[in-house]
Amino acid sequence: MPLRKWIKSANFAIEGILHAAKTQRHMRYHLYASVLILLLSFSLGIGWIEFIALVVLSIIVISVEMINTAIESIADVLFKEYDPRAKAIKDISAGAVLITAIGAVVIGYIVLFEPLKNMFYSGITIAKHTEGDVAIVALIIVLILVVIIKAYLGTGEPLRGGMPSGHAAVAFSVWVAITFLTESFIPSLLIFIMAIFIAQSRVNIGIHKPIEVVLGALLGSIVTFLLFKIFS
């Protein structure tokens, strides 16, 4: 598949994610929970297998919620007026979300109970991680925050317009991460220049306003900087 078509398809998919986040409050709740689980798991220093299990569970819950949203939209199109069949379709798809969410909560309880109990008795301590791990988690959290903020404000598309600029947020998150990872001036400077070019290009082609780019850059930089300072 040509790169341009792949990017276009990816944009459509991301638009679907943002639409679900804009229109479904439960989708937003799942996104909030995902950020909380990432930060809590990182703070407690659980093993990588348990951490991956929680991340996969978060992905499954969010995906099932999106499928439920799509099914409800199809039912609304097929049944213009009240129909017990439409109710059954929506109830069943909602039930699938409920089962998935309950399963995720139970597994999350099993994984996090002991670390939380130890933290309660031993006091709050923040686990430390390699800088590469922090960089990955920071990028994921920045992306989720961009979706949440755009969904909350209800403006723009994922890759086109709206507050804040996702491209600027990601670019400056990468810049801060590279700065911590390399601890070298030249790589940091080169990535910083690249981030500025990316942010400026969003303004030049009329996709973003300057304030949207600036706030996106601040979001990516500040979140990534704080996570490195806390966890690395």
C-alpha atoms as a PDB file:
ATOM      1  CA  MET A   1       0.000   0.000   0.000  1.00  0.00           C
ATOM      2  CA  PRO A   2       1.448   3.429  -0.947  1.00  0.00           C
ATOM      3  CA  LEU A   3       2.481   5.561   2.002  1.00  0.00           C
ATOM      4  CA  ARG A   4      -0.072   8.274   1.210  1.00  0.00           C
ATOM      5  CA  LYS A   5      -2.947   5.774   1.197  1.00  0.00           C
ATOM      6  CA  TRP A   6      -1.682   4.225   4.422  1.00  0.00           C
ATOM      7  CA  ILE A   7      -1.551   7.644   6.100  1.00  0.00           C
ATOM      8  CA  LYS A   8      -5.066   8.413   4.840  1.00  0.00           C
ATOM      9  CA  SER A   9      -6.378   5.114   6.185  1.00  0.00           C
ATOM     10  CA  ALA A  10      -4.640   5.706   9.515  1.00  0.00           C
ATOM     11  CA  ASN A  11      -6.218   9.159   9.701  1.00  0.00           C
ATOM     12  CA  PHE A  12      -9.684   7.662   9.166  1.00  0.00           C
ATOM     13  CA  ALA A  13      -9.019   5.148  11.946  1.00  0.00           C
ATOM     14  CA  ILE A  14      -7.835   7.862  14.332  1.00  0.00           C
ATOM     15  CA  GLU A  15     -10.897   9.945  13.451  1.00  0.00           C
ATOM     16  CA  GLY A  16     -12.975   6.973  14.576  1.00  0.00           C
ATOM     17  CA  ILE A  17     -11.155   6.906  17.906  1.00  0.00           C
ATOM     18  CA  LEU A  18     -11.678  10.631  18.413  1.00  0.00           C
ATOM     19  CA  HIS A  19     -15.353  10.427  17.388  1.00  0.00           C
ATOM     20  CA  ALA A  20     -15.936   7.701  19.958  1.00  0.00           C
ATOM     21  CA  ALA A  21     -14.146   9.759  22.612  1.00  0.00           C
ATOM     22  CA  LYS A  22     -16.195  12.851  21.721  1.00  0.00           C
ATOM     23  CA  THR A  23     -19.587  11.162  21.707  1.00  0.00           C
ATOM     24  CA  GLN A  24     -19.239   8.429  24.343  1.00  0.00           C
ATOM     25  CA  ARG A  25     -18.513   9.418  27.927  1.00  0.00           C
ATOM     26  CA  HIS A  26     -17.665   5.815  28.800  1.00  0.00           C
ATOM     27  CA  MET A  27     -14.937   5.909  26.160  1.00  0.00           C
ATOM     28  CA  ARG A  28     -13.483   8.943  27.892  1.00  0.00           C
ATOM     29  CA  TYR A  29     -13.682   7.127  31.235  1.00  0.00           C
ATOM     30  CA  HIS A  30     -11.726   4.228  29.752  1.00  0.00           C
ATOM     31  CA  LEU A  31      -9.059   6.632  28.500  1.00  0.00           C
ATOM     32  CA  TYR A  32      -8.797   8.259  31.929  1.00  0.00           C
ATOM     33  CA  ALA A  33      -8.496   4.801  33.482  1.00  0.00           C
ATOM     34  CA  SER A  34      -5.775   3.835  31.008  1.00  0.00           C
ATOM     35  CA  VAL A  35      -3.639   6.824  31.989  1.00  0.00           C
ATOM     36  CA  LEU A  36      -4.223   6.078  35.670  1.00  0.00           C
ATOM     37  CA  ILE A  37      -3.302   2.403  35.253  1.00  0.00           C
ATOM     38  CA  LEU A  38      -0.112   3.284  33.362  1.00  0.00           C
ATOM     39  CA  LEU A  39       1.015   5.754  36.019  1.00  0.00           C
ATOM     40  CA  LEU A  40       0.006   3.533  38.944  1.00  0.00           C
ATOM     41  CA  SER A  41       1.689   0.444  37.496  1.00  0.00           C
ATOM     42  CA  PHE A  42       4.827   2.418  36.739  1.00  0.00           C
ATOM     43  CA  SER A  43       4.865   3.902  40.235  1.00  0.00           C
ATOM     44  CA  LEU A  44       4.437   0.515  41.917  1.00  0.00           C
ATOM     45  CA  GLY A  45       7.146  -1.076  39.802  1.00  0.00           C
ATOM     46  CA  ILE A  46       5.218  -4.240  38.951  1.00  0.00           C
ATOM     47  CA  GLY A  47       6.878  -6.820  36.693  1.00  0.00           C
ATOM     48  CA  TRP A  48       6.902  -6.422  32.945  1.00  0.00           C
ATOM     49  CA  ILE A  49       4.593  -9.394  32.390  1.00  0.00           C
ATOM     50  CA  GLU A  50       1.992  -7.930  34.740  1.00  0.00           C
ATOM     51  CA  PHE A  51       2.464  -4.469  33.229  1.00  0.00           C
ATOM     52  CA  ILE A  52       1.951  -5.785  29.685  1.00  0.00           C
ATOM     53  CA  ALA A  53      -1.120  -7.708  30.860  1.00  0.00           C
ATOM     54  CA  LEU A  54      -2.678  -4.511  32.224  1.00  0.00           C
ATOM     55  CA  VAL A  55      -1.847  -2.585  29.042  1.00  0.00           C
ATOM     56  CA  VAL A  56      -3.383  -5.328  26.884  1.00  0.00           C
ATOM     57  CA  LEU A  57      -6.495  -5.323  29.073  1.00  0.00           C
ATOM     58  CA  SER A  58      -6.817  -1.554  28.671  1.00  0.00           C
ATOM     59  CA  ILE A  59      -6.523  -1.922  24.899  1.00  0.00           C
ATOM     60  CA  ILE A  60      -9.173  -4.666  24.860  1.00  0.00           C
ATOM     61  CA  VAL A  61     -11.629  -2.645  26.953  1.00  0.00           C
ATOM     62  CA  ILE A  62     -11.199   0.455  24.772  1.00  0.00           C
ATOM     63  CA  SER A  63     -11.527  -1.604  21.582  1.00  0.00           C
ATOM     64  CA  VAL A  64     -14.709  -3.349  22.788  1.00  0.00           C
ATOM     65  CA  GLU A  65     -16.178   0.032  23.760  1.00  0.00           C
ATOM     66  CA  MET A  66     -15.488   1.311  20.235  1.00  0.00           C
ATOM     67  CA  ILE A  67     -17.094  -1.778  18.688  1.00  0.00           C
ATOM     68  CA  ASN A  68     -20.113  -1.195  20.930  1.00  0.00           C
ATOM     69  CA  THR A  69     -20.306   2.401  19.710  1.00  0.00           C
ATOM     70  CA  ALA A  70     -20.174   1.258  16.087  1.00  0.00           C
ATOM     71  CA  ILE A  71     -22.915  -1.334  16.681  1.00  0.00           C
ATOM     72  CA  GLU A  72     -25.144   1.254  18.334  1.00  0.00           C
ATOM     73  CA  SER A  73     -24.617   3.617  15.386  1.00  0.00           C
ATOM     74  CA  ILE A  74     -25.563   0.879  12.910  1.00  0.00           C
ATOM     75  CA  ALA A  75     -28.698   0.072  14.929  1.00  0.00           C
ATOM     76  CA  ASP A  76     -29.697   3.756  14.887  1.00  0.00           C
ATOM     77  CA  VAL A  77     -29.354   3.822  11.096  1.00  0.00           C
ATOM     78  CA  LEU A  78     -31.291   0.579  10.530  1.00  0.00           C
ATOM     79  CA  PHE A  79     -34.077   1.301  13.016  1.00  0.00           C
ATOM     80  CA  LYS A  80     -35.433   4.840  12.708  1.00  0.00           C
ATOM     81  CA  GLU A  81     -38.077   4.262  15.372  1.00  0.00           C
ATOM     82  CA  TYR A  82     -38.173   2.224  18.559  1.00  0.00           C
ATOM     83  CA  ASP A  83     -37.822  -1.459  17.853  1.00  0.00           C
ATOM     84  CA  PRO A  84     -37.266  -4.247  20.415  1.00  0.00           C
ATOM     85  CA  ARG A  85     -34.683  -5.769  18.079  1.00  0.00           C
ATOM     86  CA  ALA A  86     -32.630  -2.567  18.188  1.00  0.00           C
ATOM     87  CA  LYS A  87     -32.868  -2.582  21.986  1.00  0.00           C
ATOM     88  CA  ALA A  88     -31.679  -6.189  22.098  1.00  0.00           C
ATOM     89  CA  ILE A  89     -28.725  -5.391  19.807  1.00  0.00           C
ATOM     90  CA  LYS A  90     -27.658  -2.438  21.945  1.00  0.00           C
ATOM     91  CA  ASP A  91     -28.157  -4.324  25.208  1.00  0.00           C
ATOM     92  CA  ILE A  92     -26.068  -7.271  24.021  1.00  0.00           C
ATOM     93  CA  SER A  93     -23.206  -5.079  22.781  1.00  0.00           C
ATOM     94  CA  ALA A  94     -23.308  -3.084  26.022  1.00  0.00           C
ATOM     95  CA  GLY A  95     -23.230  -6.358  27.924  1.00  0.00           C
ATOM     96  CA  ALA A  96     -20.059  -7.334  26.090  1.00  0.00           C
ATOM     97  CA  VAL A  97     -18.444  -4.092  27.285  1.00  0.00           C
ATOM     98  CA  LEU A  98     -19.606  -4.736  30.844  1.00  0.00           C
ATOM     99  CA  ILE A  99     -18.193  -8.276  30.907  1.00  0.00           C
ATOM    100  CA  THR A 100     -14.872  -7.058  29.506  1.00  0.00           C
ATOM    101  CA  ALA A 101     -14.670  -4.189  31.988  1.00  0.00           C
ATOM    102  CA  ILE A 102     -15.488  -6.436  34.963  1.00  0.00           C
ATOM    103  CA  GLY A 103     -12.870  -8.947  33.841  1.00  0.00           C
ATOM    104  CA  ALA A 104     -10.306  -6.171  33.524  1.00  0.00           C
ATOM    105  CA  VAL A 105     -11.129  -4.895  37.026  1.00  0.00           C
ATOM    106  CA  VAL A 106     -10.785  -8.378  38.532  1.00  0.00           C
ATOM    107  CA  ILE A 107      -7.439  -9.012  36.843  1.00  0.00           C
ATOM    108  CA  GLY A 108      -6.267  -5.519  37.765  1.00  0.00           C
ATOM    109  CA  TYR A 109      -7.186  -6.210  41.382  1.00  0.00           C
ATOM    110  CA  ILE A 110      -5.246  -9.487  41.346  1.00  0.00           C
ATOM    111  CA  VAL A 111      -2.170  -7.828  39.839  1.00  0.00           C
ATOM    112  CA  LEU A 112      -2.173  -4.636  41.909  1.00  0.00           C
ATOM    113  CA  PHE A 113      -3.454  -5.794  45.293  1.00  0.00           C
ATOM    114  CA  GLU A 114      -0.128  -6.977  46.728  1.00  0.00           C
ATOM    115  CA  PRO A 115       1.925  -3.990  45.476  1.00  0.00           C
ATOM    116  CA  LEU A 116      -0.713  -1.586  46.806  1.00  0.00           C
ATOM    117  CA  LYS A 117      -0.809  -3.381  50.161  1.00  0.00           C
ATOM    118  CA  ASN A 118       2.978  -3.241  50.413  1.00  0.00           C
ATOM    119  CA  MET A 119       2.904   0.469  49.583  1.00  0.00           C
ATOM    120  CA  PHE A 120       0.270   1.020  52.282  1.00  0.00           C
ATOM    121  CA  TYR A 121       2.380  -0.669  54.968  1.00  0.00           C
ATOM    122  CA  SER A 122       5.837   0.426  53.798  1.00  0.00           C
ATOM    123  CA  GLY A 123       5.051   3.963  52.683  1.00  0.00           C
ATOM    124  CA  ILE A 124       4.850   5.555  49.265  1.00  0.00           C
ATOM    125  CA  THR A 125       7.887   4.934  47.098  1.00  0.00           C
ATOM    126  CA  ILE A 126       8.192   5.620  43.391  1.00  0.00           C
ATOM    127  CA  ALA A 127       9.772   2.809  41.383  1.00  0.00           C
ATOM    128  CA  LYS A 128      12.545   3.791  38.990  1.00  0.00           C
ATOM    129  CA  HIS A 129      12.763   2.607  35.383  1.00  0.00           C
ATOM    130  CA  THR A 130      15.138   2.723  32.455  1.00  0.00           C
ATOM    131  CA  GLU A 131      14.956   5.877  30.374  1.00  0.00           C
ATOM    132  CA  GLY A 132      13.877   3.883  27.321  1.00  0.00           C
ATOM    133  CA  ASP A 133      10.858   2.549  29.209  1.00  0.00           C
ATOM    134  CA  VAL A 134       9.967   6.037  30.436  1.00  0.00           C
ATOM    135  CA  ALA A 135      10.204   7.405  26.886  1.00  0.00           C
ATOM    136  CA  ILE A 136       7.721   4.827  25.571  1.00  0.00           C
ATOM    137  CA  VAL A 137       5.232   5.339  28.394  1.00  0.00           C
ATOM    138  CA  ALA A 138       5.545   9.127  28.087  1.00  0.00           C
ATOM    139  CA  LEU A 139       4.745   9.002  24.377  1.00  0.00           C
ATOM    140  CA  ILE A 140       1.697   6.804  24.989  1.00  0.00           C
ATOM    141  CA  ILE A 141       0.405   9.108  27.728  1.00  0.00           C
ATOM    142  CA  VAL A 142       0.936  12.198  25.561  1.00  0.00           C
ATOM    143  CA  LEU A 143      -1.061  10.613  22.730  1.00  0.00           C
ATOM    144  CA  ILE A 144      -3.908   9.654  25.083  1.00  0.00           C
ATOM    145  CA  LEU A 145      -3.964  13.159  26.563  1.00  0.00           C
ATOM    146  CA  VAL A 146      -4.165  14.690  23.079  1.00  0.00           C
ATOM    147  CA  VAL A 147      -7.208  12.534  22.299  1.00  0.00           C
ATOM    148  CA  ILE A 148      -8.829  13.358  25.652  1.00  0.00           C
ATOM    149  CA  ILE A 149      -8.295  17.111  25.284  1.00  0.00           C
ATOM    150  CA  LYS A 150      -9.529  17.179  21.683  1.00  0.00           C
ATOM    151  CA  ALA A 151     -12.550  15.113  22.660  1.00  0.00           C
ATOM    152  CA  TYR A 152     -13.277  17.423  25.599  1.00  0.00           C
ATOM    153  CA  LEU A 153     -12.961  20.602  23.514  1.00  0.00           C
ATOM    154  CA  GLY A 154     -14.761  19.022  20.544  1.00  0.00           C
ATOM    155  CA  THR A 155     -12.683  20.775  17.890  1.00  0.00           C
ATOM    156  CA  GLY A 156     -10.567  19.570  14.997  1.00  0.00           C
ATOM    157  CA  GLU A 157      -9.677  16.120  13.768  1.00  0.00           C
ATOM    158  CA  PRO A 158      -6.925  13.864  15.150  1.00  0.00           C
ATOM    159  CA  LEU A 159      -4.365  14.805  12.529  1.00  0.00           C
ATOM    160  CA  ARG A 160      -5.918  18.041  11.293  1.00  0.00           C
ATOM    161  CA  GLY A 161      -6.565  21.056  13.450  1.00  0.00           C
ATOM    162  CA  GLY A 162      -7.972  21.402  16.911  1.00  0.00           C
ATOM    163  CA  MET A 163      -6.502  22.074  20.318  1.00  0.00           C
ATOM    164  CA  PRO A 164      -3.783  20.947  20.921  1.00  0.00           C
ATOM    165  CA  SER A 165      -1.614  19.984  17.956  1.00  0.00           C
ATOM    166  CA  GLY A 166      -0.931  16.254  18.185  1.00  0.00           C
ATOM    167  CA  HIS A 167       2.045  16.507  15.827  1.00  0.00           C
ATOM    168  CA  ALA A 168       3.666  19.202  17.973  1.00  0.00           C
ATOM    169  CA  ALA A 169       2.947  17.264  21.181  1.00  0.00           C
ATOM    170  CA  VAL A 170       4.555  14.098  19.830  1.00  0.00           C
ATOM    171  CA  ALA A 171       7.510  15.924  18.254  1.00  0.00           C
ATOM    172  CA  PHE A 172       8.425  17.764  21.452  1.00  0.00           C
ATOM    173  CA  SER A 173       7.842  14.667  23.559  1.00  0.00           C
ATOM    174  CA  VAL A 174      10.410  12.894  21.375  1.00  0.00           C
ATOM    175  CA  TRP A 175      12.781  15.859  21.744  1.00  0.00           C
ATOM    176  CA  VAL A 176      12.662  15.750  25.558  1.00  0.00           C
ATOM    177  CA  ALA A 177      13.053  11.961  25.527  1.00  0.00           C
ATOM    178  CA  ILE A 178      16.072  12.113  23.205  1.00  0.00           C
ATOM    179  CA  THR A 179      17.615  14.778  25.420  1.00  0.00           C
ATOM    180  CA  PHE A 180      17.373  12.517  28.470  1.00  0.00           C
ATOM    181  CA  LEU A 181      18.371   9.378  26.580  1.00  0.00           C
ATOM    182  CA  THR A 182      21.497  10.763  24.910  1.00  0.00           C
ATOM    183  CA  GLU A 183      22.514  13.484  27.390  1.00  0.00           C
ATOM    184  CA  SER A 184      24.227  15.048  24.399  1.00  0.00           C
ATOM    185  CA  PHE A 185      23.789  18.568  23.066  1.00  0.00           C
ATOM    186  CA  ILE A 186      24.046  17.840  19.321  1.00  0.00           C
ATOM    187  CA  PRO A 187      21.333  15.124  19.080  1.00  0.00           C
ATOM    188  CA  SER A 188      19.087  17.185  21.339  1.00  0.00           C
ATOM    189  CA  LEU A 189      19.586  20.279  19.183  1.00  0.00           C
ATOM    190  CA  LEU A 190      18.901  18.388  15.948  1.00  0.00           C
ATOM    191  CA  ILE A 191      15.687  16.849  17.280  1.00  0.00           C
ATOM    192  CA  PHE A 192      14.635  20.231  18.688  1.00  0.00           C
ATOM    193  CA  ILE A 193      15.089  21.850  15.271  1.00  0.00           C
ATOM    194  CA  MET A 194      13.127  19.010  13.668  1.00  0.00           C
ATOM    195  CA  ALA A 195      10.328  19.464  16.222  1.00  0.00           C
ATOM    196  CA  ILE A 196      10.188  23.190  15.460  1.00  0.00           C
ATOM    197  CA  PHE A 197       9.988  22.482  11.722  1.00  0.00           C
ATOM    198  CA  ILE A 198       7.154  19.989  12.284  1.00  0.00           C
ATOM    199  CA  ALA A 199       5.253  22.441  14.468  1.00  0.00           C
ATOM    200  CA  GLN A 200       5.842  25.344  12.063  1.00  0.00           C
ATOM    201  CA  SER A 201       4.696  23.251   9.100  1.00  0.00           C
ATOM    202  CA  ARG A 202       1.313  22.700  10.778  1.00  0.00           C
ATOM    203  CA  VAL A 203       0.854  26.468  10.906  1.00  0.00           C
ATOM    204  CA  ASN A 204       2.229  27.145   7.419  1.00  0.00           C
ATOM    205  CA  ILE A 205      -0.219  24.777   5.706  1.00  0.00           C
ATOM    206  CA  GLY A 206      -3.137  26.199   7.675  1.00  0.00           C
ATOM    207  CA  ILE A 207      -4.005  23.109   9.715  1.00  0.00           C
ATOM    208  CA  HIS A 208      -3.290  24.641  13.119  1.00  0.00           C
ATOM    209  CA  LYS A 209      -3.267  28.058  14.697  1.00  0.00           C
ATOM    210  CA  PRO A 210      -0.023  29.125  16.395  1.00  0.00           C
ATOM    211  CA  ILE A 211      -1.571  28.823  19.867  1.00  0.00           C
ATOM    212  CA  GLU A 212      -2.616  25.226  19.152  1.00  0.00           C
ATOM    213  CA  VAL A 213       0.925  24.339  18.130  1.00  0.00           C
ATOM    214  CA  VAL A 214       2.463  26.091  21.142  1.00  0.00           C
ATOM    215  CA  LEU A 215       0.137  24.358  23.594  1.00  0.00           C
ATOM    216  CA  GLY A 216       0.762  21.012  21.906  1.00  0.00           C
ATOM    217  CA  ALA A 217       4.510  21.542  22.229  1.00  0.00           C
ATOM    218  CA  LEU A 218       4.125  22.479  25.891  1.00  0.00           C
ATOM    219  CA  LEU A 219       1.948  19.441  26.557  1.00  0.00           C
ATOM    220  CA  GLY A 220       4.428  17.026  25.020  1.00  0.00           C
ATOM    221  CA  SER A 221       7.456  18.670  26.625  1.00  0.00           C
ATOM    222  CA  ILE A 222       6.084  19.110  30.140  1.00  0.00           C
ATOM    223  CA  VAL A 223       4.470  15.674  30.452  1.00  0.00           C
ATOM    224  CA  THR A 224       7.578  13.901  29.155  1.00  0.00           C
ATOM    225  CA  PHE A 225       9.918  15.999  31.318  1.00  0.00           C
ATOM    226  CA  LEU A 226       7.900  15.309  34.470  1.00  0.00           C
ATOM    227  CA  LEU A 227       7.737  11.565  33.800  1.00  0.00           C
ATOM    228  CA  PHE A 228      11.506  11.404  33.283  1.00  0.00           C
ATOM    229  CA  LYS A 229      12.120  13.361  36.464  1.00  0.00           C
ATOM    230  CA  ILE A 230       9.767  11.136  38.458  1.00  0.00           C
ATOM    231  CA  PHE A 231      10.574   7.695  37.089  1.00  0.00           C
ATOM    232  CA  SER A 232      14.068   7.680  35.590  1.00  0.00           C
END
